[in-house]
Amino acid sequence: MPEVKSMFREVLPKQGQLSMEDVPTMVLCKPKLLPLKSVTLEKLEKMQHEAQEVIKQQELALREQQQAQPEQEQAQ
């Protein structure tokens, strides 16, 4: 294969320092996993779920009281 002659020839200094410019390159780092839900959102959802459970328990207790009242009236 014939050598291709370039328009520029390489010149190395015989004295002094040789410097070279550093070209910035992209550095890939390990990906960071972000949570799908924030901690605050999870706390709010937990509080809401607990509040719904309390309401259900209160409704069940109220129904039981209402069912017990007619039975007491019939006994009298």
N, C-alpha and C. Protein backbone atom coordinates (compact mmCIF):
# COMPACT_ATOMS: atom_id res chain seq x y z
N MET A 1 0.85 -1.17 0.00
CA MET A 1 0.00 0.00 0.00
C MET A 1 0.90 1.24 0.00
N PRO A 2 0.69 2.13 -0.92
CA PRO A 2 1.57 3.32 -0.99
C PRO A 2 1.26 4.28 0.16
N GLU A 3 2.29 4.93 0.65
CA GLU A 3 2.12 5.90 1.74
C GLU A 3 1.52 7.17 1.20
N VAL A 4 0.61 7.73 1.97
CA VAL A 4 -0.02 8.98 1.58
C VAL A 4 0.76 10.10 2.26
N LYS A 5 1.23 11.04 1.48
CA LYS A 5 1.97 12.16 2.07
C LYS A 5 0.97 13.22 2.47
N SER A 6 1.09 13.67 3.71
CA SER A 6 0.17 14.71 4.16
C SER A 6 0.74 16.08 3.86
N MET A 7 -0.13 17.06 3.93
CA MET A 7 0.29 18.44 3.65
C MET A 7 1.14 18.98 4.80
N PHE A 8 0.94 18.39 5.98
CA PHE A 8 1.66 18.87 7.16
C PHE A 8 2.69 17.83 7.57
N ARG A 9 3.80 18.34 8.00
CA ARG A 9 4.79 17.41 8.51
C ARG A 9 4.93 17.61 10.00
N GLU A 10 5.21 16.52 10.67
CA GLU A 10 5.30 16.54 12.12
C GLU A 10 6.60 17.18 12.55
N VAL A 11 6.51 18.08 13.51
CA VAL A 11 7.70 18.76 14.00
C VAL A 11 7.79 18.54 15.50
N LEU A 12 8.86 17.95 15.96
CA LEU A 12 9.08 17.75 17.39
C LEU A 12 10.23 18.66 17.82
N PRO A 13 10.06 19.37 18.93
CA PRO A 13 11.14 20.27 19.36
C PRO A 13 12.35 19.48 19.87
N LYS A 14 13.49 20.00 19.60
CA LYS A 14 14.72 19.35 20.04
C LYS A 14 15.10 19.85 21.43
N GLN A 15 14.61 21.03 21.81
CA GLN A 15 14.89 21.59 23.13
C GLN A 15 13.59 22.08 23.74
N GLY A 16 13.59 22.25 25.06
CA GLY A 16 12.41 22.81 25.73
C GLY A 16 11.36 21.75 26.03
N GLN A 17 10.17 22.24 26.25
CA GLN A 17 9.08 21.35 26.65
C GLN A 17 8.12 21.12 25.50
N LEU A 18 7.57 19.94 25.50
CA LEU A 18 6.55 19.61 24.52
C LEU A 18 5.20 19.70 25.23
N SER A 19 4.31 20.51 24.71
CA SER A 19 2.99 20.63 25.35
C SER A 19 1.92 20.10 24.42
N MET A 20 0.86 19.65 25.05
CA MET A 20 -0.24 19.13 24.26
C MET A 20 -1.53 19.61 24.91
N GLU A 21 -2.48 20.06 24.11
CA GLU A 21 -3.76 20.53 24.66
C GLU A 21 -4.63 19.34 24.99
N ASP A 22 -5.25 19.43 26.15
CA ASP A 22 -6.16 18.37 26.57
C ASP A 22 -7.56 18.73 26.10
N VAL A 23 -8.15 17.85 25.34
CA VAL A 23 -9.49 18.10 24.82
C VAL A 23 -10.49 17.48 25.81
N PRO A 24 -11.42 18.30 26.34
CA PRO A 24 -12.38 17.73 27.30
C PRO A 24 -13.26 16.68 26.62
N THR A 25 -13.44 15.60 27.31
CA THR A 25 -14.30 14.54 26.79
C THR A 25 -15.39 14.25 27.82
N MET A 26 -16.45 13.62 27.36
CA MET A 26 -17.53 13.27 28.26
C MET A 26 -17.11 12.10 29.14
N VAL A 27 -17.43 12.21 30.41
CA VAL A 27 -17.14 11.13 31.33
C VAL A 27 -18.47 10.53 31.75
N LEU A 28 -18.64 9.26 31.49
CA LEU A 28 -19.88 8.60 31.85
C LEU A 28 -19.76 8.07 33.27
N CYS A 29 -20.79 8.35 34.05
CA CYS A 29 -20.79 7.88 35.43
C CYS A 29 -21.93 6.90 35.63
N LYS A 30 -21.91 6.25 36.75
CA LYS A 30 -22.93 5.26 37.08
C LYS A 30 -24.29 5.96 37.18
N PRO A 31 -25.33 5.40 36.58
CA PRO A 31 -26.65 6.06 36.66
C PRO A 31 -27.20 6.04 38.08
N LYS A 32 -27.85 7.12 38.44
CA LYS A 32 -28.44 7.23 39.77
C LYS A 32 -29.91 6.89 39.66
N LEU A 33 -30.35 5.97 40.49
CA LEU A 33 -31.75 5.58 40.48
C LEU A 33 -32.53 6.52 41.37
N LEU A 34 -33.56 7.10 40.82
CA LEU A 34 -34.41 8.00 41.57
C LEU A 34 -35.69 7.27 41.93
N PRO A 35 -36.19 7.49 43.13
CA PRO A 35 -37.45 6.82 43.49
C PRO A 35 -38.60 7.35 42.66
N LEU A 36 -39.55 6.48 42.36
CA LEU A 36 -40.71 6.90 41.58
C LEU A 36 -41.60 7.82 42.41
N LYS A 37 -41.61 7.60 43.72
CA LYS A 37 -42.40 8.45 44.61
C LYS A 37 -41.46 9.06 45.64
N SER A 38 -41.72 10.30 45.98
CA SER A 38 -40.88 10.94 46.98
C SER A 38 -41.28 10.43 48.36
N VAL A 39 -40.40 10.62 49.31
CA VAL A 39 -40.67 10.18 50.68
C VAL A 39 -41.89 10.90 51.23
N THR A 40 -42.01 12.18 50.93
CA THR A 40 -43.15 12.96 51.41
C THR A 40 -44.45 12.43 50.83
N LEU A 41 -44.46 12.11 49.56
CA LEU A 41 -45.67 11.57 48.93
C LEU A 41 -46.05 10.24 49.56
N GLU A 42 -45.06 9.40 49.84
CA GLU A 42 -45.34 8.12 50.48
C GLU A 42 -45.94 8.33 51.87
N LYS A 43 -45.42 9.31 52.61
CA LYS A 43 -45.96 9.60 53.95
C LYS A 43 -47.40 10.08 53.85
N LEU A 44 -47.67 10.96 52.88
CA LEU A 44 -49.04 11.46 52.71
C LEU A 44 -50.00 10.34 52.33
N GLU A 45 -49.57 9.45 51.46
CA GLU A 45 -50.42 8.33 51.08
C GLU A 45 -50.68 7.40 52.26
N LYS A 46 -49.67 7.20 53.09
CA LYS A 46 -49.82 6.36 54.28
C LYS A 46 -50.82 7.00 55.24
N MET A 47 -50.69 8.32 55.45
CA MET A 47 -51.62 9.03 56.34
C MET A 47 -53.04 8.94 55.81
N GLN A 48 -53.21 9.09 54.50
CA GLN A 48 -54.54 9.04 53.89
C GLN A 48 -55.13 7.64 54.06
N HIS A 49 -54.32 6.61 53.86
CA HIS A 49 -54.80 5.24 54.00
C HIS A 49 -55.23 4.98 55.45
N GLU A 50 -54.43 5.44 56.39
CA GLU A 50 -54.77 5.27 57.81
C GLU A 50 -56.06 6.00 58.15
N ALA A 51 -56.25 7.20 57.62
CA ALA A 51 -57.47 7.97 57.88
C ALA A 51 -58.68 7.24 57.30
N GLN A 52 -58.54 6.66 56.13
CA GLN A 52 -59.64 5.90 55.53
C GLN A 52 -60.00 4.68 56.37
N GLU A 53 -58.99 4.01 56.93
CA GLU A 53 -59.24 2.86 57.79
C GLU A 53 -60.00 3.28 59.05
N VAL A 54 -59.63 4.42 59.63
CA VAL A 54 -60.31 4.92 60.83
C VAL A 54 -61.77 5.22 60.50
N ILE A 55 -62.02 5.85 59.37
CA ILE A 55 -63.40 6.18 58.96
C ILE A 55 -64.21 4.91 58.77
N LYS A 56 -63.63 3.88 58.14
CA LYS A 56 -64.34 2.61 57.95
C LYS A 56 -64.70 1.99 59.29
N GLN A 57 -63.77 2.02 60.23
CA GLN A 57 -64.04 1.45 61.56
C GLN A 57 -65.15 2.22 62.26
N GLN A 58 -65.14 3.55 62.14
CA GLN A 58 -66.18 4.37 62.76
C GLN A 58 -67.54 4.07 62.12
N GLU A 59 -67.57 3.92 60.80
CA GLU A 59 -68.84 3.61 60.12
C GLU A 59 -69.37 2.25 60.55
N LEU A 60 -68.49 1.26 60.68
CA LEU A 60 -68.92 -0.06 61.13
C LEU A 60 -69.47 0.00 62.55
N ALA A 61 -68.82 0.74 63.43
CA ALA A 61 -69.28 0.88 64.81
C ALA A 61 -70.65 1.57 64.84
N LEU A 62 -70.84 2.58 63.99
CA LEU A 62 -72.11 3.31 63.93
C LEU A 62 -73.23 2.38 63.44
N ARG A 63 -72.94 1.57 62.45
CA ARG A 63 -73.94 0.63 61.93
C ARG A 63 -74.33 -0.39 63.00
N GLU A 64 -73.33 -0.88 63.72
CA GLU A 64 -73.62 -1.85 64.78
C GLU A 64 -74.50 -1.22 65.85
N GLN A 65 -74.25 0.04 66.18
CA GLN A 65 -75.08 0.72 67.18
C GLN A 65 -76.50 0.89 66.66
N GLN A 66 -76.64 1.26 65.41
CA GLN A 66 -77.97 1.46 64.83
C GLN A 66 -78.73 0.14 64.77
N GLN A 67 -78.05 -0.96 64.51
CA GLN A 67 -78.71 -2.26 64.46
C GLN A 67 -79.08 -2.72 65.87
N ALA A 68 -78.29 -2.35 66.85
CA ALA A 68 -78.56 -2.76 68.23
C ALA A 68 -79.75 -2.00 68.81
N GLN A 69 -79.94 -0.76 68.41
CA GLN A 69 -81.05 0.06 68.95
C GLN A 69 -82.42 -0.54 68.62
N PRO A 70 -82.73 -0.95 67.39
CA PRO A 70 -84.05 -1.53 67.11
C PRO A 70 -84.27 -2.83 67.91
N GLU A 71 -83.23 -3.60 68.13
CA GLU A 71 -83.38 -4.82 68.91
C GLU A 71 -83.74 -4.50 70.36
N GLN A 72 -83.16 -3.42 70.90
CA GLN A 72 -83.47 -3.03 72.27
C GLN A 72 -84.91 -2.52 72.37
N GLU A 73 -85.35 -1.80 71.35
CA GLU A 73 -86.72 -1.27 71.36
C GLU A 73 -87.74 -2.42 71.26
N GLN A 74 -87.40 -3.47 70.53
CA GLN A 74 -88.31 -4.60 70.40
C GLN A 74 -88.36 -5.39 71.71
N ALA A 75 -87.29 -5.42 72.43
CA ALA A 75 -87.25 -6.15 73.69
C ALA A 75 -88.10 -5.46 74.76
N GLN A 76 -88.30 -4.18 74.66
CA GLN A 76 -89.06 -3.45 75.65
C GLN A 76 -90.49 -3.61 75.42
